[in-house]
Amino acid sequence: MKLGFIGCGNMASAMMKGIIENKIIGSDEIIASDVLEASVCKAKNNLGIAVTTDNKEVVSKSDIIVLAVKPQYYEL
């Protein structure tokens, strides 16, 4: 099962870390995206997950998607 996160800021990173540390899903089964290059680099280096800046790539490669962005960034 591939788990995708759209957004990989502090809260998303904490969730991913918990998932990995509790062996629910391995880091090789998680992909995350973010608009900030610094956030994706930090997540990749700290968690060992796949990262991208393309939300569509996360959706196409995931079985489950977690929307982890602040509400003011949702497009209506």
N, C-alpha and C. Protein backbone atom coordinates (compact mmCIF):
# COMPACT_ATOMS: atom_id res chain seq x y z
N MET A 1 0.86 -1.18 0.00
CA MET A 1 0.00 0.00 0.00
C MET A 1 0.89 1.23 0.00
N LYS A 2 0.61 2.16 -0.87
CA LYS A 2 1.38 3.40 -0.96
C LYS A 2 0.57 4.52 -0.33
N LEU A 3 1.19 5.25 0.59
CA LEU A 3 0.56 6.35 1.30
C LEU A 3 1.13 7.67 0.80
N GLY A 4 0.25 8.58 0.40
CA GLY A 4 0.69 9.87 -0.12
C GLY A 4 0.25 11.02 0.76
N PHE A 5 1.13 11.97 0.94
CA PHE A 5 0.85 13.18 1.69
C PHE A 5 0.99 14.37 0.77
N ILE A 6 -0.05 15.18 0.68
CA ILE A 6 0.04 16.46 -0.01
C ILE A 6 0.27 17.48 1.09
N GLY A 7 1.48 17.97 1.14
CA GLY A 7 1.95 18.81 2.23
C GLY A 7 2.87 17.99 3.11
N CYS A 8 4.04 18.51 3.39
CA CYS A 8 4.95 17.77 4.28
C CYS A 8 5.63 18.73 5.25
N GLY A 9 4.81 19.57 5.86
CA GLY A 9 5.28 20.48 6.89
C GLY A 9 5.42 19.75 8.22
N ASN A 10 5.41 20.51 9.30
CA ASN A 10 5.65 19.94 10.63
C ASN A 10 4.63 18.87 11.03
N MET A 11 3.35 19.14 10.84
CA MET A 11 2.33 18.17 11.25
C MET A 11 2.38 16.91 10.40
N ALA A 12 2.49 17.07 9.09
CA ALA A 12 2.57 15.91 8.21
C ALA A 12 3.82 15.09 8.50
N SER A 13 4.93 15.77 8.73
CA SER A 13 6.18 15.06 9.04
C SER A 13 6.06 14.29 10.34
N ALA A 14 5.39 14.86 11.33
CA ALA A 14 5.18 14.15 12.60
C ALA A 14 4.33 12.90 12.39
N MET A 15 3.29 13.01 11.56
CA MET A 15 2.45 11.84 11.28
C MET A 15 3.25 10.77 10.54
N MET A 16 4.01 11.17 9.54
CA MET A 16 4.81 10.21 8.79
C MET A 16 5.84 9.54 9.68
N LYS A 17 6.50 10.31 10.55
CA LYS A 17 7.49 9.76 11.47
C LYS A 17 6.85 8.71 12.38
N GLY A 18 5.67 9.01 12.92
CA GLY A 18 4.97 8.06 13.77
C GLY A 18 4.60 6.78 13.03
N ILE A 19 4.15 6.94 11.80
CA ILE A 19 3.78 5.78 10.98
C ILE A 19 5.00 4.89 10.73
N ILE A 20 6.12 5.52 10.42
CA ILE A 20 7.34 4.76 10.13
C ILE A 20 7.88 4.12 11.40
N GLU A 21 7.98 4.88 12.48
CA GLU A 21 8.54 4.36 13.74
C GLU A 21 7.70 3.23 14.33
N ASN A 22 6.39 3.28 14.12
CA ASN A 22 5.50 2.22 14.62
C ASN A 22 5.33 1.08 13.62
N LYS A 23 6.10 1.14 12.54
CA LYS A 23 6.14 0.08 11.53
C LYS A 23 4.76 -0.22 10.92
N ILE A 24 3.96 0.82 10.79
CA ILE A 24 2.66 0.68 10.14
C ILE A 24 2.87 0.56 8.63
N ILE A 25 3.71 1.43 8.11
CA ILE A 25 4.11 1.42 6.70
C ILE A 25 5.57 1.83 6.67
N GLY A 26 6.35 1.22 5.82
CA GLY A 26 7.76 1.57 5.69
C GLY A 26 7.95 2.88 4.94
N SER A 27 9.09 3.49 5.13
CA SER A 27 9.38 4.76 4.46
C SER A 27 9.39 4.62 2.94
N ASP A 28 9.67 3.42 2.45
CA ASP A 28 9.66 3.19 1.01
C ASP A 28 8.25 3.16 0.42
N GLU A 29 7.23 3.17 1.27
CA GLU A 29 5.84 3.16 0.82
C GLU A 29 5.15 4.51 1.00
N ILE A 30 5.92 5.55 1.30
CA ILE A 30 5.36 6.89 1.52
C ILE A 30 5.95 7.86 0.51
N ILE A 31 5.08 8.69 -0.06
CA ILE A 31 5.50 9.77 -0.95
C ILE A 31 4.79 11.05 -0.48
N ALA A 32 5.51 12.16 -0.54
CA ALA A 32 4.94 13.43 -0.09
C ALA A 32 5.31 14.54 -1.06
N SER A 33 4.44 15.54 -1.12
CA SER A 33 4.71 16.72 -1.94
C SER A 33 4.55 17.97 -1.10
N ASP A 34 5.19 19.02 -1.57
CA ASP A 34 5.06 20.33 -0.93
C ASP A 34 5.51 21.37 -1.94
N VAL A 35 4.98 22.57 -1.81
CA VAL A 35 5.39 23.65 -2.71
C VAL A 35 6.75 24.21 -2.33
N LEU A 36 7.15 23.99 -1.09
CA LEU A 36 8.44 24.50 -0.62
C LEU A 36 9.52 23.43 -0.78
N GLU A 37 10.53 23.75 -1.55
CA GLU A 37 11.64 22.82 -1.78
C GLU A 37 12.32 22.43 -0.47
N ALA A 38 12.42 23.37 0.46
CA ALA A 38 13.05 23.09 1.76
C ALA A 38 12.28 22.02 2.52
N SER A 39 10.97 22.05 2.45
CA SER A 39 10.15 21.06 3.16
C SER A 39 10.33 19.67 2.59
N VAL A 40 10.37 19.54 1.28
CA VAL A 40 10.54 18.21 0.69
C VAL A 40 11.95 17.68 0.94
N CYS A 41 12.94 18.54 0.90
CA CYS A 41 14.32 18.11 1.20
C CYS A 41 14.44 17.64 2.64
N LYS A 42 13.84 18.37 3.56
CA LYS A 42 13.89 18.01 4.98
C LYS A 42 13.20 16.66 5.21
N ALA A 43 12.03 16.47 4.60
CA ALA A 43 11.30 15.21 4.76
C ALA A 43 12.09 14.04 4.17
N LYS A 44 12.68 14.25 3.01
CA LYS A 44 13.46 13.19 2.38
C LYS A 44 14.67 12.82 3.24
N ASN A 45 15.39 13.81 3.73
CA ASN A 45 16.59 13.56 4.53
C ASN A 45 16.27 12.96 5.90
N ASN A 46 15.22 13.46 6.55
CA ASN A 46 14.90 13.00 7.91
C ASN A 46 14.13 11.69 7.94
N LEU A 47 13.29 11.46 6.93
CA LEU A 47 12.39 10.29 6.97
C LEU A 47 12.72 9.22 5.93
N GLY A 48 13.50 9.57 4.93
CA GLY A 48 13.84 8.61 3.89
C GLY A 48 12.70 8.26 2.97
N ILE A 49 11.77 9.20 2.79
CA ILE A 49 10.61 8.96 1.93
C ILE A 49 10.86 9.54 0.54
N ALA A 50 10.02 9.16 -0.40
CA ALA A 50 10.05 9.76 -1.74
C ALA A 50 9.35 11.11 -1.66
N VAL A 51 9.86 12.09 -2.37
CA VAL A 51 9.27 13.43 -2.34
C VAL A 51 9.18 14.01 -3.74
N THR A 52 8.30 14.99 -3.87
CA THR A 52 8.11 15.69 -5.14
C THR A 52 7.49 17.05 -4.85
N THR A 53 7.50 17.92 -5.82
CA THR A 53 6.78 19.18 -5.70
C THR A 53 5.49 19.13 -6.52
N ASP A 54 5.17 17.97 -7.06
CA ASP A 54 4.00 17.79 -7.93
C ASP A 54 2.91 16.98 -7.22
N ASN A 55 1.84 17.65 -6.82
CA ASN A 55 0.73 16.97 -6.14
C ASN A 55 0.12 15.86 -6.98
N LYS A 56 0.05 16.06 -8.28
CA LYS A 56 -0.54 15.05 -9.17
C LYS A 56 0.27 13.76 -9.15
N GLU A 57 1.58 13.88 -8.99
CA GLU A 57 2.42 12.69 -8.91
C GLU A 57 2.10 11.89 -7.65
N VAL A 58 1.88 12.59 -6.54
CA VAL A 58 1.51 11.92 -5.29
C VAL A 58 0.20 11.17 -5.48
N VAL A 59 -0.78 11.82 -6.08
CA VAL A 59 -2.09 11.20 -6.29
C VAL A 59 -1.97 9.96 -7.19
N SER A 60 -1.21 10.07 -8.25
CA SER A 60 -1.10 8.95 -9.19
C SER A 60 -0.34 7.76 -8.61
N LYS A 61 0.52 7.99 -7.64
CA LYS A 61 1.35 6.93 -7.08
C LYS A 61 0.85 6.41 -5.73
N SER A 62 -0.30 6.87 -5.26
CA SER A 62 -0.76 6.52 -3.91
C SER A 62 -2.09 5.79 -3.92
N ASP A 63 -2.24 4.90 -2.94
CA ASP A 63 -3.52 4.23 -2.71
C ASP A 63 -4.38 5.05 -1.76
N ILE A 64 -3.72 5.71 -0.80
CA ILE A 64 -4.40 6.56 0.18
C ILE A 64 -3.70 7.91 0.18
N ILE A 65 -4.49 8.98 0.23
CA ILE A 65 -3.95 10.35 0.22
C ILE A 65 -4.34 11.07 1.50
N VAL A 66 -3.37 11.73 2.11
CA VAL A 66 -3.62 12.58 3.27
C VAL A 66 -3.39 14.02 2.83
N LEU A 67 -4.43 14.83 2.96
CA LEU A 67 -4.32 16.25 2.63
C LEU A 67 -3.84 16.97 3.88
N ALA A 68 -2.59 17.39 3.87
CA ALA A 68 -1.96 17.96 5.06
C ALA A 68 -1.48 19.39 4.81
N VAL A 69 -2.40 20.21 4.36
CA VAL A 69 -2.09 21.62 4.12
C VAL A 69 -3.02 22.48 4.96
N LYS A 70 -2.58 23.68 5.24
CA LYS A 70 -3.40 24.59 6.03
C LYS A 70 -4.64 25.01 5.24
N PRO A 71 -5.76 25.20 5.90
CA PRO A 71 -7.03 25.50 5.22
C PRO A 71 -6.96 26.71 4.30
N GLN A 72 -6.18 27.70 4.63
CA GLN A 72 -6.13 28.89 3.77
C GLN A 72 -5.48 28.60 2.41
N TYR A 73 -4.88 27.42 2.26
CA TYR A 73 -4.27 27.06 0.97
C TYR A 73 -5.14 26.15 0.12
N TYR A 74 -6.33 25.77 0.64
CA TYR A 74 -7.25 25.00 -0.17
C TYR A 74 -7.81 25.87 -1.28
N GLU A 75 -7.88 25.33 -2.45
CA GLU A 75 -8.49 26.05 -3.55
C GLU A 75 -9.98 25.73 -3.59
N LEU A 76 -10.80 26.75 -3.59
CA LEU A 76 -12.26 26.54 -3.61
C LEU A 76 -12.78 26.54 -5.01
